[in-house]
Amino acid sequence: HKKLEEIMNPLIIETIKNLPPLPSTVEELRNYIDSNGANLEINKIATIISKDPLLVAELLRLANSPFFGFSRQVSTIQQVISLLGINNIKNIVLANSLKSTFHIDVSPYGLNTADFLNNCSKEVDFISNWLKEEDKALANTLVPCAMLLRLGMILLSDMLIKSNKSEQFLQENKAHNFQDIHEIENHYCGIDSISFLGFLFDYWKFDEILIQSIAHIDNPHAASSEIKKNAYALAITNCLFEPYAPFSLFNSKKAIALLNEAKNQEINFDMSNFLANLPQEAKNNLAKEIED
C-alpha cells in the first residue's frame, strides 16, 4: 500500500486519525484470530467474546435473526461460532461494532438520512434472503460487507460537513443530476466512497477476501476467480440499492444485466430465485414495464 499521505488529501487523513477506536473485546478477538492461524480454539474465542455481555447478546440476536436462517434456536456463543465459522465471526463482530459507532447525516449528498438508513438495512436483508438458499456460505460471508456498504458515503459526508464543503458538494452534485457521484467525491475528497470503503476494510483488518470483494464492486469481471462470485453479488446489490434511485427500473434492469454477465463468466446465480427475492418496489417497476 502507498502511504496515506501520497494518496489522500489532508482532510481524509484527519478523518482516519479521528476514527473511534474499536472496543477492546473486538480488538482482542480480531488480534487473536489474525495471529493464531490454524491454531484457533473455539473456547478461547468464546471466552474473549463473553467479556462483553452486549456483544454476546447481539451475536445471539443476529444468529437467531432471518439473516442467517438457522433451522434451530441458537443459545450459546460456542454454537454461533461453530455455525458461522471463525472468520465470519470476526468479520461480523467488526462490522457490527462499527455500524453503531458513527453519527450519520448524509445531507451533503442531498439524501434524506432516515430513508438512507432504511435502505441500508434492506440491503442486508436482501443479500441474506437472496443467497441463503442457493449459497449459504456466500450469504454469511457477505453480510458484514452489506452492513457497511455505505460507510464510505457516511464518513465522506461527515468530512464535508466538518470542512464546510457540504453545500458546495451538494450544489455540484445537483448540477450533474447526481449522476457523477464518484468523480465529484474524488474532486472534493480525493477519493470516492467505494475506494474509501475498501481502504477502511483494510485499515480495520477485515479478511482479505472481503477487502478484495469490495475493491471489485465496480468491475466484478476483473476479480480473481476466488472472489468473483462475491464481487458480482456485491455489485448486483450495490446497483439495486443505489442510494438515489433504489429499485428503479433502470437499476433493476442493470442488476439483472450483471447477473447475466456473471453467467457469461461461469458464475451462476439462480435468476428465478433472484427475481423472487427482489424488493417489492423493484418487482412493481419491472412488472409495469412488462405491462407497457
C-alpha atoms as a PDB file:
ATOM      1  CA  HIS A   1       0.000   0.000   0.000  1.00  0.00           C
ATOM      2  CA  LYS A   2       1.147   3.537  -0.699  1.00  0.00           C
ATOM      3  CA  LYS A   3       1.460   5.804   2.300  1.00  0.00           C
ATOM      4  CA  LEU A   4      -1.768   7.582   3.153  1.00  0.00           C
ATOM      5  CA  GLU A   5      -0.129  10.928   2.565  1.00  0.00           C
ATOM      6  CA  GLU A   6       0.557  10.026  -1.075  1.00  0.00           C
ATOM      7  CA  ILE A   7      -2.996   9.063  -1.993  1.00  0.00           C
ATOM      8  CA  MET A   8      -5.312  11.106   0.172  1.00  0.00           C
ATOM      9  CA  ASN A   9      -5.904  14.722   0.933  1.00  0.00           C
ATOM     10  CA  PRO A  10      -5.292  16.039   4.469  1.00  0.00           C
ATOM     11  CA  LEU A  11      -9.000  16.021   5.343  1.00  0.00           C
ATOM     12  CA  ILE A  12      -9.225  12.289   4.694  1.00  0.00           C
ATOM     13  CA  ILE A  13      -6.078  11.641   6.751  1.00  0.00           C
ATOM     14  CA  GLU A  14      -7.627  13.670   9.574  1.00  0.00           C
ATOM     15  CA  THR A  15     -10.874  11.667   9.276  1.00  0.00           C
ATOM     16  CA  ILE A  16      -8.947   8.388   9.537  1.00  0.00           C
ATOM     17  CA  LYS A  17      -6.886   9.590  12.502  1.00  0.00           C
ATOM     18  CA  ASN A  18     -10.099  10.579  14.296  1.00  0.00           C
ATOM     19  CA  LEU A  19     -11.878   7.263  13.753  1.00  0.00           C
ATOM     20  CA  PRO A  20     -13.059   5.952  17.107  1.00  0.00           C
ATOM     21  CA  PRO A  21     -11.038   3.001  18.444  1.00  0.00           C
ATOM     22  CA  LEU A  22     -12.581  -0.436  18.259  1.00  0.00           C
ATOM     23  CA  PRO A  23     -13.967  -1.776  21.552  1.00  0.00           C
ATOM     24  CA  SER A  24     -11.218  -3.664  23.419  1.00  0.00           C
ATOM     25  CA  THR A  25     -13.053  -7.017  23.179  1.00  0.00           C
ATOM     26  CA  VAL A  26     -13.423  -6.643  19.405  1.00  0.00           C
ATOM     27  CA  GLU A  27      -9.747  -5.737  19.025  1.00  0.00           C
ATOM     28  CA  GLU A  28      -8.662  -8.658  21.213  1.00  0.00           C
ATOM     29  CA  LEU A  29     -10.828 -11.060  19.198  1.00  0.00           C
ATOM     30  CA  ARG A  30      -9.506  -9.793  15.851  1.00  0.00           C
ATOM     31  CA  ASN A  31      -5.869  -9.923  17.032  1.00  0.00           C
ATOM     32  CA  TYR A  32      -6.250 -13.446  18.444  1.00  0.00           C
ATOM     33  CA  ILE A  33      -7.815 -14.755  15.196  1.00  0.00           C
ATOM     34  CA  ASP A  34      -5.299 -12.948  12.955  1.00  0.00           C
ATOM     35  CA  SER A  35      -2.226 -14.075  14.881  1.00  0.00           C
ATOM     36  CA  ASN A  36      -3.019 -17.741  15.522  1.00  0.00           C
ATOM     37  CA  GLY A  37      -3.501 -19.111  12.015  1.00  0.00           C
ATOM     38  CA  ALA A  38      -4.700 -22.689  12.166  1.00  0.00           C
ATOM     39  CA  ASN A  39      -4.265 -22.993  15.945  1.00  0.00           C
ATOM     40  CA  LEU A  40      -7.523 -21.316  16.905  1.00  0.00           C
ATOM     41  CA  GLU A  41      -9.644 -22.645  19.753  1.00  0.00           C
ATOM     42  CA  ILE A  42     -13.394 -22.109  19.769  1.00  0.00           C
ATOM     43  CA  ASN A  43     -13.393 -21.989  23.587  1.00  0.00           C
ATOM     44  CA  LYS A  44     -10.771 -19.244  23.603  1.00  0.00           C
ATOM     45  CA  ILE A  45     -12.819 -17.210  21.088  1.00  0.00           C
ATOM     46  CA  ALA A  46     -15.955 -17.755  23.192  1.00  0.00           C
ATOM     47  CA  THR A  47     -14.054 -16.613  26.314  1.00  0.00           C
ATOM     48  CA  ILE A  48     -12.970 -13.369  24.606  1.00  0.00           C
ATOM     49  CA  ILE A  49     -16.472 -12.626  23.293  1.00  0.00           C
ATOM     50  CA  SER A  50     -18.009 -13.415  26.698  1.00  0.00           C
ATOM     51  CA  LYS A  51     -16.101 -10.495  28.251  1.00  0.00           C
ATOM     52  CA  ASP A  52     -18.645  -8.218  26.569  1.00  0.00           C
ATOM     53  CA  PRO A  53     -22.250  -9.142  27.506  1.00  0.00           C
ATOM     54  CA  LEU A  54     -23.667  -6.690  24.941  1.00  0.00           C
ATOM     55  CA  LEU A  55     -21.644  -8.359  22.184  1.00  0.00           C
ATOM     56  CA  VAL A  56     -22.843 -11.803  23.319  1.00  0.00           C
ATOM     57  CA  ALA A  57     -26.461 -10.605  23.216  1.00  0.00           C
ATOM     58  CA  GLU A  58     -26.003  -9.018  19.775  1.00  0.00           C
ATOM     59  CA  LEU A  59     -24.363 -12.140  18.278  1.00  0.00           C
ATOM     60  CA  LEU A  60     -27.155 -14.351  19.626  1.00  0.00           C
ATOM     61  CA  ARG A  61     -29.723 -11.900  18.248  1.00  0.00           C
ATOM     62  CA  LEU A  62     -28.048 -11.953  14.818  1.00  0.00           C
ATOM     63  CA  ALA A  63     -27.646 -15.735  14.834  1.00  0.00           C
ATOM     64  CA  ASN A  64     -31.374 -16.146  15.513  1.00  0.00           C
ATOM     65  CA  SER A  65     -32.425 -13.480  13.012  1.00  0.00           C
ATOM     66  CA  PRO A  66     -33.534 -14.185   9.426  1.00  0.00           C
ATOM     67  CA  PHE A  67     -30.028 -13.056   8.239  1.00  0.00           C
ATOM     68  CA  PHE A  68     -28.619 -16.486   8.897  1.00  0.00           C
ATOM     69  CA  GLY A  69     -31.803 -18.537   8.840  1.00  0.00           C
ATOM     70  CA  PHE A  70     -30.582 -21.370  11.087  1.00  0.00           C
ATOM     71  CA  SER A  71     -33.191 -24.072  11.450  1.00  0.00           C
ATOM     72  CA  ARG A  72     -32.897 -24.267  15.233  1.00  0.00           C
ATOM     73  CA  GLN A  73     -32.637 -21.808  18.092  1.00  0.00           C
ATOM     74  CA  VAL A  74     -29.023 -20.807  18.801  1.00  0.00           C
ATOM     75  CA  SER A  75     -28.471 -20.305  22.539  1.00  0.00           C
ATOM     76  CA  THR A  76     -24.702 -20.304  23.183  1.00  0.00           C
ATOM     77  CA  ILE A  77     -21.746 -18.400  21.782  1.00  0.00           C
ATOM     78  CA  GLN A  78     -19.998 -21.724  21.032  1.00  0.00           C
ATOM     79  CA  GLN A  79     -22.936 -22.660  18.772  1.00  0.00           C
ATOM     80  CA  VAL A  80     -22.753 -19.296  16.982  1.00  0.00           C
ATOM     81  CA  ILE A  81     -19.017 -19.767  16.338  1.00  0.00           C
ATOM     82  CA  SER A  82     -19.482 -23.363  15.113  1.00  0.00           C
ATOM     83  CA  LEU A  83     -22.376 -22.456  12.819  1.00  0.00           C
ATOM     84  CA  LEU A  84     -20.892 -19.303  11.301  1.00  0.00           C
ATOM     85  CA  GLY A  85     -17.192 -20.188  11.275  1.00  0.00           C
ATOM     86  CA  ILE A  86     -14.355 -18.281  12.924  1.00  0.00           C
ATOM     87  CA  ASN A  87     -13.577 -15.795  10.142  1.00  0.00           C
ATOM     88  CA  ASN A  88     -17.245 -14.935   9.656  1.00  0.00           C
ATOM     89  CA  ILE A  89     -17.494 -14.296  13.405  1.00  0.00           C
ATOM     90  CA  LYS A  90     -14.535 -11.925  13.232  1.00  0.00           C
ATOM     91  CA  ASN A  91     -15.953 -10.003  10.269  1.00  0.00           C
ATOM     92  CA  ILE A  92     -19.482  -9.836  11.714  1.00  0.00           C
ATOM     93  CA  VAL A  93     -18.232  -8.657  15.118  1.00  0.00           C
ATOM     94  CA  LEU A  94     -16.109  -5.976  13.414  1.00  0.00           C
ATOM     95  CA  ALA A  95     -18.960  -4.828  11.151  1.00  0.00           C
ATOM     96  CA  ASN A  96     -21.471  -4.792  13.982  1.00  0.00           C
ATOM     97  CA  SER A  97     -19.269  -2.759  16.324  1.00  0.00           C
ATOM     98  CA  LEU A  98     -18.516  -0.216  13.564  1.00  0.00           C
ATOM     99  CA  LYS A  99     -22.119   0.085  12.400  1.00  0.00           C
ATOM    100  CA  SER A 100     -23.242   1.653  15.660  1.00  0.00           C
ATOM    101  CA  THR A 101     -20.239   3.966  16.054  1.00  0.00           C
ATOM    102  CA  PHE A 102     -20.861   6.804  13.635  1.00  0.00           C
ATOM    103  CA  HIS A 103     -23.131   9.812  13.646  1.00  0.00           C
ATOM    104  CA  ILE A 104     -24.964   9.696  10.318  1.00  0.00           C
ATOM    105  CA  ASP A 105     -26.014  12.722   8.286  1.00  0.00           C
ATOM    106  CA  VAL A 106     -25.976  12.279   4.509  1.00  0.00           C
ATOM    107  CA  SER A 107     -27.432  15.699   3.691  1.00  0.00           C
ATOM    108  CA  PRO A 108     -24.293  16.671   1.673  1.00  0.00           C
ATOM    109  CA  TYR A 109     -25.424  14.010  -0.816  1.00  0.00           C
ATOM    110  CA  GLY A 110     -28.924  15.509  -0.978  1.00  0.00           C
ATOM    111  CA  LEU A 111     -30.306  12.357   0.636  1.00  0.00           C
ATOM    112  CA  ASN A 112     -32.801  12.004   3.489  1.00  0.00           C
ATOM    113  CA  THR A 113     -30.871  10.308   6.299  1.00  0.00           C
ATOM    114  CA  ALA A 114     -33.848   8.258   7.599  1.00  0.00           C
ATOM    115  CA  ASP A 115     -34.615   6.921   4.077  1.00  0.00           C
ATOM    116  CA  PHE A 116     -30.908   6.237   3.526  1.00  0.00           C
ATOM    117  CA  LEU A 117     -30.659   4.184   6.748  1.00  0.00           C
ATOM    118  CA  ASN A 118     -33.849   2.292   5.925  1.00  0.00           C
ATOM    119  CA  ASN A 119     -32.336   1.437   2.533  1.00  0.00           C
ATOM    120  CA  CYS A 120     -29.093   0.282   4.235  1.00  0.00           C
ATOM    121  CA  SER A 121     -30.947  -2.153   6.482  1.00  0.00           C
ATOM    122  CA  LYS A 122     -32.916  -3.501   3.496  1.00  0.00           C
ATOM    123  CA  GLU A 123     -29.598  -4.218   1.722  1.00  0.00           C
ATOM    124  CA  VAL A 124     -28.538  -6.635   4.445  1.00  0.00           C
ATOM    125  CA  ASP A 125     -31.946  -8.330   4.442  1.00  0.00           C
ATOM    126  CA  PHE A 126     -31.838  -8.650   0.666  1.00  0.00           C
ATOM    127  CA  ILE A 127     -28.364 -10.198   0.389  1.00  0.00           C
ATOM    128  CA  SER A 128     -29.150 -12.762   3.098  1.00  0.00           C
ATOM    129  CA  ASN A 129     -32.625 -13.627   1.727  1.00  0.00           C
ATOM    130  CA  TRP A 130     -31.405 -13.837  -1.862  1.00  0.00           C
ATOM    131  CA  LEU A 131     -28.391 -16.063  -1.229  1.00  0.00           C
ATOM    132  CA  LYS A 132     -29.217 -18.141   1.829  1.00  0.00           C
ATOM    133  CA  GLU A 133     -30.965 -20.890  -0.147  1.00  0.00           C
ATOM    134  CA  GLU A 134     -28.577 -21.138  -3.097  1.00  0.00           C
ATOM    135  CA  ASP A 135     -25.220 -20.311  -1.470  1.00  0.00           C
ATOM    136  CA  LYS A 136     -25.402 -20.186   2.319  1.00  0.00           C
ATOM    137  CA  ALA A 137     -21.645 -19.758   2.783  1.00  0.00           C
ATOM    138  CA  LEU A 138     -21.584 -16.780   0.410  1.00  0.00           C
ATOM    139  CA  ALA A 139     -24.544 -15.167   2.197  1.00  0.00           C
ATOM    140  CA  ASN A 140     -22.790 -15.485   5.573  1.00  0.00           C
ATOM    141  CA  THR A 141     -19.534 -14.107   4.156  1.00  0.00           C
ATOM    142  CA  LEU A 142     -21.174 -11.064   2.591  1.00  0.00           C
ATOM    143  CA  VAL A 143     -23.441  -9.950   5.458  1.00  0.00           C
ATOM    144  CA  PRO A 144     -20.623  -7.821   7.030  1.00  0.00           C
ATOM    145  CA  CYS A 145     -19.989  -6.146   3.633  1.00  0.00           C
ATOM    146  CA  ALA A 146     -23.703  -5.411   3.244  1.00  0.00           C
ATOM    147  CA  MET A 147     -23.838  -3.996   6.800  1.00  0.00           C
ATOM    148  CA  LEU A 148     -21.138  -1.455   5.907  1.00  0.00           C
ATOM    149  CA  LEU A 149     -21.727  -0.975   2.171  1.00  0.00           C
ATOM    150  CA  ARG A 150     -22.494   2.766   2.530  1.00  0.00           C
ATOM    151  CA  LEU A 151     -19.930   3.546   5.240  1.00  0.00           C
ATOM    152  CA  GLY A 152     -17.696   5.383   2.753  1.00  0.00           C
ATOM    153  CA  MET A 153     -20.559   7.808   1.999  1.00  0.00           C
ATOM    154  CA  ILE A 154     -21.280   8.253   5.716  1.00  0.00           C
ATOM    155  CA  LEU A 155     -17.683   9.200   6.541  1.00  0.00           C
ATOM    156  CA  LEU A 156     -17.222  11.427   3.484  1.00  0.00           C
ATOM    157  CA  SER A 157     -20.464  13.234   4.440  1.00  0.00           C
ATOM    158  CA  ASP A 158     -19.104  13.826   7.922  1.00  0.00           C
ATOM    159  CA  MET A 159     -15.841  15.132   6.482  1.00  0.00           C
ATOM    160  CA  LEU A 160     -17.643  17.502   4.076  1.00  0.00           C
ATOM    161  CA  ILE A 161     -19.813  18.876   6.902  1.00  0.00           C
ATOM    162  CA  LYS A 162     -16.824  19.422   9.212  1.00  0.00           C
ATOM    163  CA  SER A 163     -14.823  21.163   6.476  1.00  0.00           C
ATOM    164  CA  ASN A 164     -17.779  23.404   5.479  1.00  0.00           C
ATOM    165  CA  LYS A 165     -17.816  21.986   1.961  1.00  0.00           C
ATOM    166  CA  SER A 166     -21.153  20.194   2.150  1.00  0.00           C
ATOM    167  CA  GLU A 167     -23.156  22.928   0.392  1.00  0.00           C
ATOM    168  CA  GLN A 168     -20.653  23.228  -2.499  1.00  0.00           C
ATOM    169  CA  PHE A 169     -20.561  19.453  -2.848  1.00  0.00           C
ATOM    170  CA  LEU A 170     -24.363  19.265  -2.886  1.00  0.00           C
ATOM    171  CA  GLN A 171     -24.714  22.033  -5.478  1.00  0.00           C
ATOM    172  CA  GLU A 172     -22.182  20.378  -7.786  1.00  0.00           C
ATOM    173  CA  ASN A 173     -23.999  17.057  -7.450  1.00  0.00           C
ATOM    174  CA  LYS A 174     -27.302  18.771  -8.266  1.00  0.00           C
ATOM    175  CA  ALA A 175     -25.726  20.431 -11.311  1.00  0.00           C
ATOM    176  CA  HIS A 176     -24.752  16.928 -12.543  1.00  0.00           C
ATOM    177  CA  ASN A 177     -28.193  15.474 -11.685  1.00  0.00           C
ATOM    178  CA  PHE A 178     -26.476  13.226  -9.110  1.00  0.00           C
ATOM    179  CA  GLN A 179     -25.003  11.206 -11.992  1.00  0.00           C
ATOM    180  CA  ASP A 180     -21.237  11.592 -11.408  1.00  0.00           C
ATOM    181  CA  ILE A 181     -21.008  10.976  -7.689  1.00  0.00           C
ATOM    182  CA  HIS A 182     -17.628   9.215  -7.689  1.00  0.00           C
ATOM    183  CA  GLU A 183     -15.996  11.921  -9.815  1.00  0.00           C
ATOM    184  CA  ILE A 184     -17.312  14.681  -7.547  1.00  0.00           C
ATOM    185  CA  GLU A 185     -16.256  12.727  -4.430  1.00  0.00           C
ATOM    186  CA  ASN A 186     -12.772  12.462  -5.917  1.00  0.00           C
ATOM    187  CA  HIS A 187     -12.728  16.183  -6.675  1.00  0.00           C
ATOM    188  CA  TYR A 188     -13.775  17.239  -3.153  1.00  0.00           C
ATOM    189  CA  CYS A 189     -12.372  14.419  -1.014  1.00  0.00           C
ATOM    190  CA  GLY A 190      -9.503  12.962  -3.027  1.00  0.00           C
ATOM    191  CA  ILE A 191     -11.149   9.541  -3.029  1.00  0.00           C
ATOM    192  CA  ASP A 192     -14.529   8.036  -3.955  1.00  0.00           C
ATOM    193  CA  SER A 193     -16.763   6.390  -1.358  1.00  0.00           C
ATOM    194  CA  ILE A 194     -16.308   2.794  -2.618  1.00  0.00           C
ATOM    195  CA  SER A 195     -12.486   3.065  -2.777  1.00  0.00           C
ATOM    196  CA  PHE A 196     -12.572   4.603   0.685  1.00  0.00           C
ATOM    197  CA  LEU A 197     -14.683   1.679   1.933  1.00  0.00           C
ATOM    198  CA  GLY A 198     -12.079  -0.768   0.574  1.00  0.00           C
ATOM    199  CA  PHE A 199      -9.357   1.219   2.320  1.00  0.00           C
ATOM    200  CA  LEU A 200     -11.333   1.161   5.608  1.00  0.00           C
ATOM    201  CA  PHE A 201     -11.832  -2.622   5.401  1.00  0.00           C
ATOM    202  CA  ASP A 202      -8.055  -2.911   5.063  1.00  0.00           C
ATOM    203  CA  TYR A 203      -7.452  -0.417   7.890  1.00  0.00           C
ATOM    204  CA  TRP A 204      -9.674  -2.388  10.296  1.00  0.00           C
ATOM    205  CA  LYS A 205      -8.126  -5.689   9.139  1.00  0.00           C
ATOM    206  CA  PHE A 206     -11.177  -7.433   7.777  1.00  0.00           C
ATOM    207  CA  ASP A 207     -10.382 -10.627   5.865  1.00  0.00           C
ATOM    208  CA  GLU A 208      -8.501 -10.080   2.624  1.00  0.00           C
ATOM    209  CA  ILE A 209     -11.298 -11.824   0.725  1.00  0.00           C
ATOM    210  CA  LEU A 210     -13.735  -9.084   1.825  1.00  0.00           C
ATOM    211  CA  ILE A 211     -11.262  -6.279   1.086  1.00  0.00           C
ATOM    212  CA  GLN A 212     -10.798  -7.635  -2.459  1.00  0.00           C
ATOM    213  CA  SER A 213     -14.557  -8.185  -2.920  1.00  0.00           C
ATOM    214  CA  ILE A 214     -15.232  -4.525  -2.031  1.00  0.00           C
ATOM    215  CA  ALA A 215     -12.385  -3.388  -4.298  1.00  0.00           C
ATOM    216  CA  HIS A 216     -14.106  -5.048  -7.293  1.00  0.00           C
ATOM    217  CA  ILE A 217     -17.680  -3.805  -6.788  1.00  0.00           C
ATOM    218  CA  ASP A 218     -17.406  -1.566  -9.845  1.00  0.00           C
ATOM    219  CA  ASN A 219     -15.575  -4.138 -12.015  1.00  0.00           C
ATOM    220  CA  PRO A 220     -16.512  -7.647 -10.816  1.00  0.00           C
ATOM    221  CA  HIS A 221     -15.445  -9.188 -14.153  1.00  0.00           C
ATOM    222  CA  ALA A 222     -11.841  -8.242 -13.261  1.00  0.00           C
ATOM    223  CA  ALA A 223     -11.888 -10.026  -9.891  1.00  0.00           C
ATOM    224  CA  SER A 224      -9.848 -13.203  -9.348  1.00  0.00           C
ATOM    225  CA  SER A 225     -11.755 -16.475  -9.656  1.00  0.00           C
ATOM    226  CA  GLU A 226     -11.656 -16.926  -5.862  1.00  0.00           C
ATOM    227  CA  ILE A 227     -13.678 -13.773  -5.186  1.00  0.00           C
ATOM    228  CA  LYS A 228     -15.538 -13.237  -8.470  1.00  0.00           C
ATOM    229  CA  LYS A 229     -18.866 -14.547  -7.131  1.00  0.00           C
ATOM    230  CA  ASN A 230     -18.546 -12.307  -4.029  1.00  0.00           C
ATOM    231  CA  ALA A 231     -17.789  -9.286  -6.212  1.00  0.00           C
ATOM    232  CA  TYR A 232     -20.765  -9.926  -8.516  1.00  0.00           C
ATOM    233  CA  ALA A 233     -23.151 -10.415  -5.581  1.00  0.00           C
ATOM    234  CA  LEU A 234     -21.995  -7.114  -4.053  1.00  0.00           C
ATOM    235  CA  ALA A 235     -22.083  -5.316  -7.425  1.00  0.00           C
ATOM    236  CA  ILE A 236     -25.664  -6.521  -8.011  1.00  0.00           C
ATOM    237  CA  THR A 237     -26.748  -5.431  -4.515  1.00  0.00           C
ATOM    238  CA  ASN A 238     -24.923  -2.093  -4.819  1.00  0.00           C
ATOM    239  CA  CYS A 239     -26.684  -1.435  -8.122  1.00  0.00           C
ATOM    240  CA  LEU A 240     -30.148  -2.468  -6.978  1.00  0.00           C
ATOM    241  CA  PHE A 241     -29.967  -0.311  -3.835  1.00  0.00           C
ATOM    242  CA  GLU A 242     -28.213   2.653  -5.463  1.00  0.00           C
ATOM    243  CA  PRO A 243     -28.998   5.411  -2.924  1.00  0.00           C
ATOM    244  CA  TYR A 244     -30.532   7.939  -5.345  1.00  0.00           C
ATOM    245  CA  ALA A 245     -32.934   5.576  -7.104  1.00  0.00           C
ATOM    246  CA  PRO A 246     -33.185   2.273  -5.252  1.00  0.00           C
ATOM    247  CA  PHE A 247     -35.256  -0.365  -7.079  1.00  0.00           C
ATOM    248  CA  SER A 248     -35.803   1.938 -10.090  1.00  0.00           C
ATOM    249  CA  LEU A 249     -36.486   0.226 -13.395  1.00  0.00           C
ATOM    250  CA  PHE A 250     -33.070   1.309 -14.691  1.00  0.00           C
ATOM    251  CA  ASN A 251     -31.185  -0.044 -11.660  1.00  0.00           C
ATOM    252  CA  SER A 252     -33.252  -3.250 -11.513  1.00  0.00           C
ATOM    253  CA  LYS A 253     -32.503  -3.954 -15.186  1.00  0.00           C
ATOM    254  CA  LYS A 254     -28.839  -3.124 -14.639  1.00  0.00           C
ATOM    255  CA  ALA A 255     -28.730  -5.633 -11.740  1.00  0.00           C
ATOM    256  CA  ILE A 256     -30.288  -8.308 -13.989  1.00  0.00           C
ATOM    257  CA  ALA A 257     -27.702  -7.480 -16.687  1.00  0.00           C
ATOM    258  CA  LEU A 258     -24.940  -8.016 -14.103  1.00  0.00           C
ATOM    259  CA  LEU A 259     -26.460 -11.389 -13.222  1.00  0.00           C
ATOM    260  CA  ASN A 260     -26.329 -12.359 -16.911  1.00  0.00           C
ATOM    261  CA  GLU A 261     -22.782 -11.018 -17.237  1.00  0.00           C
ATOM    262  CA  ALA A 262     -21.787 -13.201 -14.261  1.00  0.00           C
ATOM    263  CA  LYS A 263     -23.275 -16.213 -16.044  1.00  0.00           C
ATOM    264  CA  ASN A 264     -21.068 -15.497 -19.076  1.00  0.00           C
ATOM    265  CA  GLN A 265     -18.128 -15.600 -16.663  1.00  0.00           C
ATOM    266  CA  GLU A 266     -19.362 -19.008 -15.418  1.00  0.00           C
ATOM    267  CA  ILE A 267     -20.619 -17.551 -12.142  1.00  0.00           C
ATOM    268  CA  ASN A 268     -24.125 -18.918 -11.797  1.00  0.00           C
ATOM    269  CA  PHE A 269     -26.870 -17.307  -9.771  1.00  0.00           C
ATOM    270  CA  ASP A 270     -30.402 -18.674  -9.973  1.00  0.00           C
ATOM    271  CA  MET A 271     -32.331 -15.997 -11.897  1.00  0.00           C
ATOM    272  CA  SER A 272     -35.773 -17.100 -10.685  1.00  0.00           C
ATOM    273  CA  ASN A 273     -34.569 -17.052  -7.055  1.00  0.00           C
ATOM    274  CA  PHE A 274     -33.118 -13.559  -7.576  1.00  0.00           C
ATOM    275  CA  LEU A 275     -36.360 -12.251  -9.100  1.00  0.00           C
ATOM    276  CA  ALA A 276     -38.427 -13.866  -6.334  1.00  0.00           C
ATOM    277  CA  ASN A 277     -36.348 -12.119  -3.660  1.00  0.00           C
ATOM    278  CA  LEU A 278     -36.347  -8.658  -5.242  1.00  0.00           C
ATOM    279  CA  PRO A 279     -37.834  -5.955  -3.009  1.00  0.00           C
ATOM    280  CA  GLN A 280     -41.488  -5.353  -3.866  1.00  0.00           C
ATOM    281  CA  GLU A 281     -40.776  -1.882  -5.339  1.00  0.00           C
ATOM    282  CA  ALA A 282     -38.344  -3.398  -7.843  1.00  0.00           C
ATOM    283  CA  LYS A 283     -40.846  -6.137  -8.753  1.00  0.00           C
ATOM    284  CA  ASN A 284     -43.534  -3.484  -9.301  1.00  0.00           C
ATOM    285  CA  ASN A 285     -41.278  -1.394 -11.568  1.00  0.00           C
ATOM    286  CA  LEU A 286     -40.312  -4.420 -13.661  1.00  0.00           C
ATOM    287  CA  ALA A 287     -43.960  -5.557 -13.875  1.00  0.00           C
ATOM    288  CA  LYS A 288     -45.043  -2.101 -15.065  1.00  0.00           C
ATOM    289  CA  GLU A 289     -42.583  -2.264 -17.932  1.00  0.00           C
ATOM    290  CA  ILE A 290     -43.884  -5.677 -18.991  1.00  0.00           C
ATOM    291  CA  GLU A 291     -47.451  -4.273 -18.957  1.00  0.00           C
ATOM    292  CA  ASP A 292     -46.382  -1.258 -21.013  1.00  0.00           C
END
